Protein backbone atom coordinates (compact mmCIF):
# COMPACT_ATOMS: atom_id res chain seq x y z
CA MET A 1 20.04 -23.99 11.14
CA VAL A 2 21.03 -20.87 9.24
CA HIS A 3 19.29 -17.81 10.68
CA VAL A 4 18.42 -14.79 8.51
CA VAL A 5 17.39 -11.66 10.40
CA VAL A 6 15.53 -9.04 8.37
CA VAL A 7 15.34 -5.62 10.03
CA GLY A 8 12.57 -3.49 8.57
CA ALA A 9 9.03 -4.78 8.11
CA GLY A 10 8.04 -2.64 5.15
CA LEU A 11 7.83 -3.59 1.51
CA GLY A 12 11.51 -4.51 1.09
CA GLY A 13 11.73 -6.52 4.29
CA LEU A 14 8.52 -8.49 3.77
CA ARG A 15 9.27 -9.23 0.12
CA THR A 16 12.72 -10.50 1.13
CA VAL A 17 11.08 -12.99 3.48
CA GLU A 18 8.56 -14.07 0.85
CA PHE A 19 11.21 -14.45 -1.84
CA LEU A 20 13.48 -16.43 0.50
CA ARG A 21 10.75 -19.01 0.98
CA ALA A 22 9.91 -18.97 -2.73
CA ALA A 23 13.59 -19.65 -3.50
CA GLY A 24 13.54 -22.72 -1.28
CA PHE A 25 15.27 -21.31 1.81
CA SER A 26 14.35 -23.57 4.74
CA GLY A 27 16.33 -21.96 7.55
CA ARG A 28 15.13 -19.69 10.34
CA ILE A 29 13.91 -16.20 9.50
CA SER A 30 13.20 -13.36 11.94
CA LEU A 31 11.49 -10.14 10.86
CA VAL A 32 11.88 -6.99 12.96
CA GLY A 33 9.68 -3.90 12.54
CA ASP A 34 9.51 -0.77 14.66
CA GLU A 35 5.77 -0.32 14.01
CA ALA A 36 3.17 -2.47 15.73
CA HIS A 37 1.26 -2.94 12.46
CA GLU A 38 1.83 -5.87 10.16
CA PRO A 39 3.59 -4.86 6.92
CA TYR A 40 1.56 -2.45 4.80
CA ASP A 41 1.94 -0.55 1.54
CA ARG A 42 2.97 3.10 1.79
CA PRO A 43 1.87 4.65 -1.54
CA PRO A 44 -1.86 4.63 -0.57
CA LEU A 45 -1.05 6.70 2.53
CA SER A 46 -0.95 9.90 0.45
CA LYS A 47 -3.92 8.91 -1.69
CA GLN A 48 -6.61 6.29 -1.03
CA ILE A 49 -6.02 5.76 2.70
CA LEU A 50 -5.64 9.51 3.28
CA ALA A 51 -8.83 10.18 1.32
CA GLY A 52 -10.70 7.47 3.20
CA THR A 53 -11.70 5.67 -0.02
CA TRP A 54 -9.83 2.52 1.05
CA PRO A 55 -10.06 0.78 4.41
CA GLU A 56 -6.66 0.50 6.04
CA GLU A 57 -6.75 -3.30 5.74
CA ARG A 58 -6.60 -2.99 1.95
CA ALA A 59 -3.02 -1.71 2.21
CA ALA A 60 -1.80 -4.94 3.83
CA LEU A 61 1.18 -6.30 1.92
CA HIS A 62 0.80 -9.98 2.81
CA ARG A 63 -2.49 -11.67 2.01
CA GLY A 64 -2.51 -14.25 4.76
CA GLU A 65 -0.89 -15.06 8.07
CA LEU A 66 2.78 -14.19 8.47
CA ALA A 67 3.12 -17.40 10.46
CA ASP A 68 2.44 -19.28 7.23
CA LEU A 69 5.85 -18.07 6.02
CA GLY A 70 7.56 -19.72 8.96
CA VAL A 71 8.91 -16.38 10.17
CA THR A 72 9.34 -15.19 13.75
CA VAL A 73 7.96 -11.66 13.90
CA HIS A 74 9.13 -8.91 16.26
CA LEU A 75 6.77 -5.99 15.65
CA GLY A 76 6.85 -2.80 17.68
CA ARG A 77 10.57 -3.38 18.26
CA SER A 78 13.45 -1.21 17.05
CA ALA A 79 16.99 -2.26 16.27
CA ILE A 80 19.31 -0.05 18.32
CA GLY A 81 22.73 -1.56 17.66
CA LEU A 82 24.89 -4.49 16.66
CA ASP A 83 26.95 -6.66 18.98
CA GLY A 84 29.12 -8.91 16.85
CA ASP A 85 26.74 -11.02 14.76
CA ALA A 86 23.70 -10.05 16.81
CA VAL A 87 21.08 -7.34 16.44
CA GLU A 88 20.25 -5.54 19.68
CA LEU A 89 16.58 -4.61 20.10
CA ASP A 90 15.13 -1.84 22.23
CA ASP A 91 13.61 -4.35 24.68
CA GLY A 92 17.08 -5.59 25.64
CA SER A 93 16.93 -8.79 23.62
CA GLN A 94 19.38 -9.90 20.93
CA LEU A 95 18.91 -11.77 17.68
CA ARG A 96 21.99 -13.64 16.51
CA TYR A 97 22.19 -13.96 12.75
CA ASP A 98 24.14 -15.76 10.07
CA THR A 99 22.86 -13.29 7.47
CA LEU A 100 21.47 -9.81 8.14
CA VAL A 101 19.20 -7.96 5.72
CA VAL A 102 18.75 -4.24 6.44
CA ALA A 103 15.51 -2.83 5.02
CA THR A 104 14.78 -0.04 7.47
CA GLY A 105 13.96 2.60 4.85
CA VAL A 106 14.10 6.31 5.62
CA ARG A 107 12.27 8.87 7.71
CA PRO A 108 10.85 12.28 6.76
CA ARG A 109 13.21 15.21 6.88
CA ARG A 110 12.16 17.90 9.35
CA LEU A 111 12.84 21.57 8.86
CA PRO A 112 15.04 23.41 11.38
CA GLY A 113 12.82 24.62 14.18
CA GLN A 114 9.81 22.68 12.91
CA PRO A 115 7.41 22.63 15.86
CA ASP A 116 5.54 19.63 17.22
CA HIS A 117 2.02 20.88 16.56
CA PRO A 118 -1.15 18.76 16.27
CA GLU A 119 -2.04 20.40 12.95
CA LEU A 120 1.42 20.21 11.36
CA HIS A 121 2.34 16.82 9.95
CA VAL A 122 4.85 14.70 8.08
CA LEU A 123 3.77 11.61 6.17
CA ARG A 124 5.59 8.30 6.25
CA THR A 125 3.73 5.89 8.50
CA LEU A 126 0.15 4.75 8.98
CA GLU A 127 0.02 6.75 12.22
CA ASP A 128 1.16 9.85 10.31
CA CYS A 129 -1.61 9.24 7.78
CA ARG A 130 -4.26 8.86 10.46
CA ALA A 131 -3.23 12.13 12.10
CA LEU A 132 -3.15 14.04 8.80
CA ARG A 133 -6.48 12.54 7.72
CA GLY A 134 -8.04 13.73 10.97
CA SER A 135 -6.76 17.25 10.41
CA ILE A 136 -7.97 17.34 6.80
CA SER A 137 -11.42 16.14 7.85
CA ARG A 138 -11.76 19.19 10.14
CA ALA A 139 -10.07 21.72 7.88
CA ARG A 140 -10.99 24.11 5.12
CA SER A 141 -7.39 24.88 4.12
CA LEU A 142 -4.07 23.08 3.90
CA LEU A 143 -0.50 24.35 3.73
CA VAL A 144 1.93 22.07 1.86
CA VAL A 145 5.63 22.80 2.40
CA GLY A 146 7.63 21.18 -0.39
CA ALA A 147 6.45 20.46 -3.93
CA GLY A 148 7.86 16.95 -4.19
CA PHE A 149 5.76 13.91 -5.00
CA ILE A 150 4.50 13.43 -1.44
CA GLY A 151 3.45 17.08 -1.25
CA ALA A 152 1.89 16.93 -4.71
CA GLU A 153 -0.14 13.80 -3.92
CA VAL A 154 -1.34 15.15 -0.56
CA ALA A 155 -2.28 18.43 -2.26
CA ALA A 156 -4.28 16.52 -4.86
CA THR A 157 -6.08 14.47 -2.21
CA ALA A 158 -6.93 17.61 -0.23
CA ARG A 159 -8.17 19.51 -3.30
CA VAL A 160 -10.46 16.64 -4.27
CA ALA A 161 -11.81 16.82 -0.70
CA GLY A 162 -12.59 20.51 -1.26
CA LEU A 163 -9.82 22.18 0.76
CA GLU A 164 -8.04 25.34 -0.29
CA VAL A 165 -4.40 24.36 -0.77
CA THR A 166 -1.27 26.50 -0.83
CA MET A 167 2.03 24.88 -1.78
CA LEU A 168 5.39 26.45 -0.91
CA GLU A 169 8.56 25.45 -2.77
CA ALA A 170 12.07 26.81 -2.17
CA LEU A 171 13.21 26.08 -5.74
CA PRO A 172 12.26 28.45 -8.57
CA VAL A 173 10.62 25.50 -10.34
CA PRO A 174 9.15 22.41 -8.62
CA PHE A 175 10.88 19.12 -9.42
CA ALA A 176 13.62 20.97 -11.32
CA ARG A 177 16.39 18.88 -9.73
CA VAL A 178 14.58 15.63 -10.50
CA LEU A 179 12.73 16.22 -13.78
CA GLY A 180 14.30 19.39 -15.18
CA GLU A 181 12.66 22.79 -15.44
CA GLN A 182 10.47 22.07 -18.47
CA MET A 183 8.74 19.07 -16.93
CA GLY A 184 8.83 20.65 -13.50
CA LEU A 185 6.73 23.50 -14.84
CA LEU A 186 4.25 21.00 -16.24
CA CYS A 187 3.97 19.35 -12.82
CA ALA A 188 3.33 22.77 -11.29
CA ARG A 189 0.68 23.44 -13.91
CA LEU A 190 -1.07 20.21 -12.99
CA GLN A 191 -1.46 21.66 -9.49
CA THR A 192 -2.50 25.16 -10.50
CA ASP A 193 -4.97 23.86 -13.10
CA ASN A 194 -6.68 22.07 -10.23
CA GLY A 195 -6.87 25.12 -8.01
CA VAL A 196 -3.72 24.87 -5.88
CA THR A 197 -1.84 28.09 -5.16
CA VAL A 198 1.81 27.31 -5.90
CA ARG A 199 4.45 29.73 -4.63
CA CYS A 200 7.99 28.96 -5.79
CA GLY A 201 11.33 30.48 -4.90
CA VAL A 202 10.17 31.27 -1.37
CA ARG A 203 12.15 30.65 1.78
CA LEU A 204 10.33 29.61 4.92
CA VAL A 205 11.76 31.36 7.98
CA ASP A 206 9.58 29.98 10.75
CA PHE A 207 6.26 28.45 11.66
CA VAL A 208 3.81 30.35 13.85
CA VAL A 209 0.57 29.23 15.47
CA ASP A 210 -2.37 31.43 14.57
CA ASP A 211 -5.10 32.45 17.00
CA GLY A 212 -7.49 29.82 15.67
CA GLY A 213 -5.15 26.95 16.47
CA GLY A 214 -4.05 26.44 12.87
CA ILE A 215 -0.57 26.75 11.42
CA ALA A 216 1.13 29.54 9.52
CA ALA A 217 4.41 29.96 7.68
CA LEU A 218 6.48 33.13 7.95
CA LEU A 219 8.37 33.69 4.71
CA ALA A 220 11.62 35.55 4.09
CA ASP A 221 9.79 38.37 2.26
CA GLY A 222 7.79 39.05 5.42
CA SER A 223 4.54 37.54 4.21
CA VAL A 224 2.61 34.97 6.20
CA VAL A 225 0.69 32.02 4.75
CA ALA A 226 -1.89 30.59 7.16
CA ALA A 227 -3.97 27.42 6.97
CA ASP A 228 -6.02 25.19 9.23
CA CYS A 229 -3.41 22.43 8.95
CA GLY A 230 -0.16 21.71 7.18
CA VAL A 231 2.16 18.97 5.94
CA VAL A 232 5.93 19.13 5.45
CA GLY A 233 7.30 17.10 2.56
CA VAL A 234 10.90 18.18 2.04
CA GLY A 235 12.61 14.88 1.44
CA THR A 236 13.94 12.09 3.60
CA VAL A 237 16.91 11.20 5.76
CA ILE A 238 18.45 7.83 6.56
CA ASP A 239 19.15 6.56 10.04
CA CYS A 240 22.17 4.27 10.01
CA GLY A 241 23.41 5.07 13.52
CA TRP A 242 22.46 1.65 14.87
CA LEU A 243 24.71 0.06 12.21
CA ALA A 244 27.92 1.63 13.53
CA GLY A 245 29.09 -1.79 14.65
CA LEU A 246 29.49 -2.90 11.04
CA GLY A 247 32.58 -0.73 10.72
CA VAL A 248 31.68 0.45 7.20
CA SER A 249 30.76 3.86 5.85
CA THR A 250 27.03 4.57 5.99
CA GLU A 251 27.16 8.12 4.68
CA GLY A 252 24.65 8.28 1.86
CA GLY A 253 23.21 4.90 2.83
CA LEU A 254 24.51 1.36 2.80
CA LEU A 255 26.94 0.94 -0.10
CA CYS A 256 26.08 -2.34 -1.81
CA ASP A 257 27.34 -4.32 -4.79
CA THR A 258 25.03 -5.46 -7.60
CA THR A 259 23.65 -8.30 -5.44
CA GLY A 260 22.85 -6.08 -2.46
CA LEU A 261 25.81 -7.25 -0.36
CA VAL A 262 27.06 -4.37 1.78
CA GLU A 263 30.62 -3.76 0.67
CA GLY A 264 33.13 -4.47 3.43
CA THR A 265 30.94 -7.23 4.90
CA GLY A 266 30.39 -10.84 3.99
CA ASN A 267 26.91 -11.46 5.35
CA VAL A 268 24.99 -8.16 5.45
CA TYR A 269 22.65 -7.02 2.67
CA GLY A 270 20.76 -3.78 2.03
CA VAL A 271 17.31 -3.54 0.47
CA GLY A 272 15.09 -0.57 -0.36
CA ASP A 273 15.43 3.13 0.41
CA ILE A 274 18.42 2.76 2.74
CA ALA A 275 20.52 0.86 0.19
CA ALA A 276 22.76 2.37 -2.50
CA TRP A 277 23.29 -0.46 -4.98
CA ARG A 278 26.05 -0.38 -7.55
CA HIS A 279 24.41 0.06 -10.96
CA PRO A 280 25.19 -2.90 -13.25
CA THR A 281 25.71 -0.62 -16.28
CA TYR A 282 26.94 2.74 -15.01
CA GLY A 283 28.88 1.48 -12.00
CA ASP A 284 27.73 4.30 -9.72
CA ARG A 285 25.71 3.89 -6.54
CA LEU A 286 22.43 5.69 -6.06
CA ARG A 287 19.73 5.26 -3.46
CA ILE A 288 16.50 4.80 -5.43
CA GLU A 289 13.43 5.33 -3.26
CA HIS A 290 11.00 3.56 -5.59
CA TRP A 291 8.44 0.86 -4.81
CA THR A 292 9.48 -1.38 -7.69
CA SER A 293 13.18 -1.07 -6.83
CA ALA A 294 12.60 -2.38 -3.30
CA THR A 295 10.74 -5.38 -4.71
CA GLU A 296 13.41 -6.14 -7.32
CA GLN A 297 16.22 -5.81 -4.79
CA ALA A 298 14.44 -8.12 -2.35
CA ALA A 299 14.19 -10.80 -5.05
CA VAL A 300 17.89 -10.59 -5.91
CA VAL A 301 19.00 -10.67 -2.26
CA ALA A 302 16.72 -13.60 -1.45
CA GLN A 303 17.94 -15.65 -4.39
CA HIS A 304 21.55 -14.89 -3.51
CA VAL A 305 21.11 -15.80 0.18
CA ALA A 306 19.17 -18.96 -0.67
CA GLY A 307 21.86 -20.10 -3.09
CA ALA A 308 19.38 -20.06 -5.97
CA GLU A 309 20.03 -18.80 -9.47
CA VAL A 310 19.91 -14.97 -9.58
CA THR A 311 17.54 -14.42 -12.48
CA ARG A 312 18.06 -10.68 -13.00
CA LEU A 313 19.91 -7.60 -11.81
CA ALA A 314 17.91 -5.02 -9.89
CA ASP A 315 17.49 -1.35 -10.80
CA ALA A 316 18.87 -1.54 -14.34
CA VAL A 317 15.85 0.50 -15.45
CA PRO A 318 14.15 2.03 -12.38
CA TYR A 319 10.42 2.69 -12.53
CA PHE A 320 8.30 5.17 -10.57
CA TRP A 321 4.71 6.41 -10.67
CA SER A 322 2.59 9.08 -8.98
CA ASP A 323 -1.20 9.46 -9.03
CA GLN A 324 -2.59 13.00 -9.02
CA TYR A 325 -6.04 14.28 -10.02
CA GLY A 326 -6.93 11.12 -11.86
CA LEU A 327 -3.71 11.15 -13.88
CA THR A 328 -0.79 8.77 -13.47
CA LEU A 329 2.71 10.16 -13.96
CA GLN A 330 5.15 7.39 -14.89
CA LEU A 331 8.92 7.55 -15.08
CA ILE A 332 11.32 4.90 -16.33
CA GLY A 333 15.09 5.22 -16.25
CA ARG A 334 17.35 7.78 -14.60
CA CYS A 335 16.71 11.47 -15.12
CA ASP A 336 19.75 12.30 -12.99
CA LEU A 337 22.02 11.21 -15.84
CA ALA A 338 20.38 13.43 -18.45
CA THR A 339 21.98 16.45 -20.08
CA SER A 340 18.98 17.33 -22.27
CA VAL A 341 15.21 16.84 -22.37
CA GLU A 342 13.10 16.57 -25.51
CA LEU A 343 9.32 16.40 -25.91
CA LEU A 344 8.46 13.20 -27.74
CA HIS A 345 4.69 13.61 -27.70
CA ASP A 346 3.02 16.98 -27.15
CA PRO A 347 -0.79 16.82 -27.44
CA GLY A 348 -1.16 20.42 -26.28
CA MET A 349 -2.37 19.41 -22.83
CA ILE A 350 -0.85 17.68 -19.82
CA LYS A 351 -2.50 14.30 -20.39
CA GLY A 352 -0.58 12.37 -23.04
CA THR A 353 2.63 14.41 -22.80
CA VAL A 354 5.79 12.29 -23.03
CA ALA A 355 9.35 13.55 -22.58
CA GLY A 356 12.66 11.83 -23.30
CA TYR A 357 15.82 12.40 -21.27
CA PHE A 358 19.15 12.04 -23.06
CA ALA A 359 22.80 11.81 -22.00
CA ASP A 360 25.44 12.09 -24.73
CA GLY A 361 22.81 11.31 -27.34
CA ALA A 362 21.50 8.17 -25.61
CA LEU A 363 18.04 7.77 -24.06
CA VAL A 364 18.33 7.35 -20.29
CA ALA A 365 14.77 8.07 -19.11
CA VAL A 366 11.21 8.72 -20.26
CA LEU A 367 8.48 10.59 -18.37
CA ALA A 368 4.83 10.15 -19.35
CA PHE A 369 1.75 11.99 -18.14
CA HIS A 370 -1.00 9.38 -18.24
CA ALA A 371 0.26 7.69 -21.40
CA PRO A 372 0.95 4.09 -20.31
CA ARG A 373 0.78 2.62 -23.82
CA LEU A 374 3.43 5.01 -25.08
CA LEU A 375 5.61 4.55 -22.02
CA ASN A 376 5.64 0.79 -22.44
CA ARG A 377 6.87 1.20 -26.02
CA TYR A 378 9.82 3.30 -24.80
CA ARG A 379 10.82 0.96 -21.98
CA ARG A 380 12.92 -1.21 -24.29
CA LEU A 381 14.57 1.86 -25.83
CA VAL A 382 15.58 3.16 -22.39
CA ALA A 383 17.05 -0.23 -21.46
CA ALA A 384 19.01 -0.28 -24.72
CA GLY A 385 20.22 3.33 -24.43
CA ALA A 386 18.75 4.08 -27.87
CA SER A 387 20.12 7.01 -29.86
CA GLU A 388 18.19 10.25 -30.36
CA GLN A 389 17.62 9.31 -34.01
CA GLU A 390 16.18 5.92 -33.03
CA VAL A 391 13.94 7.57 -30.42
CA ARG A 392 12.68 10.24 -32.83
CA SER A 393 11.87 7.54 -35.39
CA ALA A 394 9.95 5.59 -32.76
CA ALA A 395 8.10 8.74 -31.69
CA THR A 396 7.08 9.49 -35.27
CA GLU A 397 5.85 5.94 -35.77
CA LEU A 398 3.88 5.92 -32.52
CA ALA A 399 2.30 9.31 -33.27
CA SER A 400 1.03 8.04 -36.63
CA ARG A 401 -0.88 5.12 -35.08
């Protein structure tokens, strides 16, 4: 029987297994995950699970027994290499495959010289969340290094819990590279309006341990920022070293075509954060670390492997959200393509603000601050690459309702 081995038991890996069975695939499936836990959802780790408002079981991704999917599960096992058409695991065993699906995701980037300290954390796994939650429960103050979405969500969770929070960002404006300066400033304001001290354009030189057992950051200007605990959220890195046996370039992730097939192979697919899929419209390849993208890619790969009709192309219009202070930030499209940003709805406060991102006069992305009804109206316009005139007309019509 045909054997599909899926390496990575997160969202992308589990959904691939589920979609394979839904598409009628009846062959053998093996699922490998380096954590001992059954597949769980990661977004709650910086919010509900970290805050303790959800039990950990609520983050489970599969509502039922994995055995019901007819899958052989290898949890707590890491893939360390490839030997021909076999995955080598860290317990010395091998899994021979006819098709390999790589869904191993990414890991948090660490700063040079970042110490291993019980009160200094990164956040990617359930174990990371447990450790950070323990520190927050004992702390009165938190240091957040990096003003990305992980840092912003952890800061929000800590502020709601009553901690004093200081956020350090190397860029002059948070999110400037992702959302542009105008919207980056609005994201920073969301933090400061809720009591976070945001310091931008600062360079962290080193970490030091204070006398009370907490953590402190030494900055390039000579100042020191101390807190009871800290979290580093400065992006992610991919780990493709175990895939060297494929004989393809893995710099920047696994380079895939529009079906997820790793280019230069005939039976290896990439799903989720590790995979750089060729965009069906623009032709470029970009790793998109979004929840919805991993799900869409898993569906396409599963249908392709099962020989079923591929019903859609993944990542044509990426979608992302972030929950902070009771507001949901939602982004559709690709801000990285934009050459200009225009406010489409400006209510004079953060809630309800909507911005459009344009490239050569065409709409390529829309960002909304807790305005889901408006965002849904723009989704079609982003997919169609609507002109600025069409978008302004739509904005005027929506504002009048």
